[in-house]
Amino acid sequence: MGAVPAEGWYRDPYAIHEDRWMSQGRPTKLVRDDGTEAYDAPPDLPLPDVLVPVTSDSSASPDGSDLQRSDGTGQDAYSDKRAARAALDAIGGGAIVEEPGGIW
């Protein structure tokens, strides 16, 4: 059985950008520098023999603080009161009733 072609983020084999997305072993125009994605077509050059995979997603927070819980608990959990207040504020063009602390 043959090797599986490269798929995902790899260090840019052309050293133009930090990372380049590989699809079926071919470089694509999707690149990433400092966690910001952009497009830049790969040059018409041969690939090196060894591709270096990106071992961790540099745009993700290492402690997981940028993730949301699927059960809806936590600081940013959905609130019927906050949703209703936001809807009323949007319709009325601003706070309808000023209350201490902002949200009812």
C-alpha atoms as a PDB file:
ATOM      1  CA  MET A   1       0.000   0.000   0.000  1.00  0.00           C
ATOM      2  CA  GLY A   2       1.407   3.438  -0.997  1.00  0.00           C
ATOM      3  CA  ALA A   3       1.945   6.500   1.127  1.00  0.00           C
ATOM      4  CA  VAL A   4      -1.006   8.813   1.778  1.00  0.00           C
ATOM      5  CA  PRO A   5      -0.528  12.152  -0.006  1.00  0.00           C
ATOM      6  CA  ALA A   6       0.010  15.221   2.175  1.00  0.00           C
ATOM      7  CA  GLU A   7      -3.251  16.858   3.294  1.00  0.00           C
ATOM      8  CA  GLY A   8      -3.467  19.837   5.653  1.00  0.00           C
ATOM      9  CA  TRP A   9      -1.129  22.535   6.899  1.00  0.00           C
ATOM     10  CA  TYR A  10       2.581  22.104   6.206  1.00  0.00           C
ATOM     11  CA  ARG A  11       5.519  24.457   6.557  1.00  0.00           C
ATOM     12  CA  ASP A  12       5.727  26.329   3.270  1.00  0.00           C
ATOM     13  CA  PRO A  13       8.149  24.248   1.222  1.00  0.00           C
ATOM     14  CA  TYR A  14       9.116  27.371  -0.734  1.00  0.00           C
ATOM     15  CA  ALA A  15       9.883  29.382   2.449  1.00  0.00           C
ATOM     16  CA  ILE A  16       7.744  32.274   1.205  1.00  0.00           C
ATOM     17  CA  HIS A  17       5.157  31.992   4.001  1.00  0.00           C
ATOM     18  CA  GLU A  18       5.090  30.210   7.353  1.00  0.00           C
ATOM     19  CA  ASP A  19       2.586  27.540   6.321  1.00  0.00           C
ATOM     20  CA  ARG A  20       0.937  26.354   3.119  1.00  0.00           C
ATOM     21  CA  TRP A  21      -2.123  24.105   2.748  1.00  0.00           C
ATOM     22  CA  MET A  22      -1.395  20.873   0.926  1.00  0.00           C
ATOM     23  CA  SER A  23      -4.155  18.975  -0.858  1.00  0.00           C
ATOM     24  CA  GLN A  24      -3.560  15.472  -2.184  1.00  0.00           C
ATOM     25  CA  GLY A  25       0.183  16.088  -1.970  1.00  0.00           C
ATOM     26  CA  ARG A  26       0.057  19.321  -3.960  1.00  0.00           C
ATOM     27  CA  PRO A  27       0.664  22.843  -2.659  1.00  0.00           C
ATOM     28  CA  THR A  28      -2.355  25.148  -2.847  1.00  0.00           C
ATOM     29  CA  LYS A  29      -2.652  28.926  -2.879  1.00  0.00           C
ATOM     30  CA  LEU A  30      -3.921  28.946   0.749  1.00  0.00           C
ATOM     31  CA  VAL A  31      -1.135  30.217   2.999  1.00  0.00           C
ATOM     32  CA  ARG A  32      -0.830  31.351   6.608  1.00  0.00           C
ATOM     33  CA  ASP A  33       1.459  33.807   8.404  1.00  0.00           C
ATOM     34  CA  ASP A  34       1.127  34.624  12.124  1.00  0.00           C
ATOM     35  CA  GLY A  35      -2.240  32.835  12.164  1.00  0.00           C
ATOM     36  CA  THR A  36      -3.658  34.964   9.327  1.00  0.00           C
ATOM     37  CA  GLU A  37      -4.747  33.108   6.221  1.00  0.00           C
ATOM     38  CA  ALA A  38      -4.365  34.534   2.715  1.00  0.00           C
ATOM     39  CA  TYR A  39      -3.958  33.408  -0.878  1.00  0.00           C
ATOM     40  CA  ASP A  40      -0.684  33.268  -2.784  1.00  0.00           C
ATOM     41  CA  ALA A  41      -0.276  30.875  -5.685  1.00  0.00           C
ATOM     42  CA  PRO A  42       2.644  28.489  -5.258  1.00  0.00           C
ATOM     43  CA  PRO A  43       5.651  29.127  -7.496  1.00  0.00           C
ATOM     44  CA  ASP A  44       6.339  26.772 -10.369  1.00  0.00           C
ATOM     45  CA  LEU A  45       9.172  24.995  -8.571  1.00  0.00           C
ATOM     46  CA  PRO A  46       9.655  21.345  -7.621  1.00  0.00           C
ATOM     47  CA  LEU A  47       8.663  20.278  -4.113  1.00  0.00           C
ATOM     48  CA  PRO A  48      11.364  19.127  -1.713  1.00  0.00           C
ATOM     49  CA  ASP A  49      11.570  15.402  -0.952  1.00  0.00           C
ATOM     50  CA  VAL A  50      10.371  15.921   2.639  1.00  0.00           C
ATOM     51  CA  LEU A  51       7.381  18.038   3.683  1.00  0.00           C
ATOM     52  CA  VAL A  52       7.202  19.250   7.295  1.00  0.00           C
ATOM     53  CA  PRO A  53       3.692  19.046   8.779  1.00  0.00           C
ATOM     54  CA  VAL A  54       2.505  21.766  11.144  1.00  0.00           C
ATOM     55  CA  THR A  55       2.140  19.894  14.425  1.00  0.00           C
ATOM     56  CA  SER A  56      -0.189  22.363  16.141  1.00  0.00           C
ATOM     57  CA  ASP A  57      -2.623  24.988  14.946  1.00  0.00           C
ATOM     58  CA  SER A  58      -0.817  28.257  15.690  1.00  0.00           C
ATOM     59  CA  SER A  59      -4.096  30.198  15.534  1.00  0.00           C
ATOM     60  CA  ALA A  60      -5.659  28.180  18.378  1.00  0.00           C
ATOM     61  CA  SER A  61      -5.279  29.059  22.030  1.00  0.00           C
ATOM     62  CA  PRO A  62      -3.059  26.437  23.724  1.00  0.00           C
ATOM     63  CA  ASP A  63      -5.279  26.303  26.818  1.00  0.00           C
ATOM     64  CA  GLY A  64      -8.550  25.984  24.863  1.00  0.00           C
ATOM     65  CA  SER A  65      -9.889  29.327  26.106  1.00  0.00           C
ATOM     66  CA  ASP A  66     -11.015  30.188  22.558  1.00  0.00           C
ATOM     67  CA  LEU A  67     -13.373  27.183  22.466  1.00  0.00           C
ATOM     68  CA  GLN A  68     -17.048  27.139  23.423  1.00  0.00           C
ATOM     69  CA  ARG A  69     -18.734  24.362  25.366  1.00  0.00           C
ATOM     70  CA  SER A  70     -21.342  22.379  23.460  1.00  0.00           C
ATOM     71  CA  ASP A  71     -23.572  22.068  26.531  1.00  0.00           C
ATOM     72  CA  GLY A  72     -24.081  25.855  26.702  1.00  0.00           C
ATOM     73  CA  THR A  73     -22.602  26.306  30.165  1.00  0.00           C
ATOM     74  CA  GLY A  74     -20.000  28.857  31.032  1.00  0.00           C
ATOM     75  CA  GLN A  75     -19.591  32.605  31.020  1.00  0.00           C
ATOM     76  CA  ASP A  76     -20.956  33.107  27.496  1.00  0.00           C
ATOM     77  CA  ALA A  77     -23.871  30.672  27.799  1.00  0.00           C
ATOM     78  CA  TYR A  78     -27.087  31.581  26.009  1.00  0.00           C
ATOM     79  CA  SER A  79     -29.534  33.608  28.077  1.00  0.00           C
ATOM     80  CA  ASP A  80     -33.196  34.184  27.165  1.00  0.00           C
ATOM     81  CA  LYS A  81     -33.087  37.481  29.053  1.00  0.00           C
ATOM     82  CA  ARG A  82     -30.005  38.729  27.212  1.00  0.00           C
ATOM     83  CA  ALA A  83     -31.449  37.622  23.869  1.00  0.00           C
ATOM     84  CA  ALA A  84     -34.741  39.417  24.526  1.00  0.00           C
ATOM     85  CA  ARG A  85     -32.903  42.541  25.655  1.00  0.00           C
ATOM     86  CA  ALA A  86     -30.694  42.480  22.562  1.00  0.00           C
ATOM     87  CA  ALA A  87     -33.769  42.136  20.323  1.00  0.00           C
ATOM     88  CA  LEU A  88     -35.521  45.048  22.029  1.00  0.00           C
ATOM     89  CA  ASP A  89     -32.368  47.162  21.802  1.00  0.00           C
ATOM     90  CA  ALA A  90     -32.024  46.365  18.095  1.00  0.00           C
ATOM     91  CA  ILE A  91     -35.649  47.234  17.360  1.00  0.00           C
ATOM     92  CA  GLY A  92     -35.634  50.385  19.473  1.00  0.00           C
ATOM     93  CA  GLY A  93     -32.248  51.628  18.339  1.00  0.00           C
ATOM     94  CA  GLY A  94     -30.738  51.462  21.808  1.00  0.00           C
ATOM     95  CA  ALA A  95     -31.431  50.706  25.424  1.00  0.00           C
ATOM     96  CA  ILE A  96     -35.159  50.920  26.140  1.00  0.00           C
ATOM     97  CA  VAL A  97     -34.827  51.052  29.908  1.00  0.00           C
ATOM     98  CA  GLU A  98     -31.609  52.070  31.589  1.00  0.00           C
ATOM     99  CA  GLU A  99     -30.822  49.690  34.407  1.00  0.00           C
ATOM    100  CA  PRO A 100     -27.832  49.493  36.714  1.00  0.00           C
ATOM    101  CA  GLY A 101     -25.403  46.861  35.486  1.00  0.00           C
ATOM    102  CA  GLY A 102     -26.575  47.110  31.879  1.00  0.00           C
ATOM    103  CA  ILE A 103     -28.379  43.781  31.376  1.00  0.00           C
ATOM    104  CA  TRP A 104     -31.519  42.818  33.331  1.00  0.00           C
END
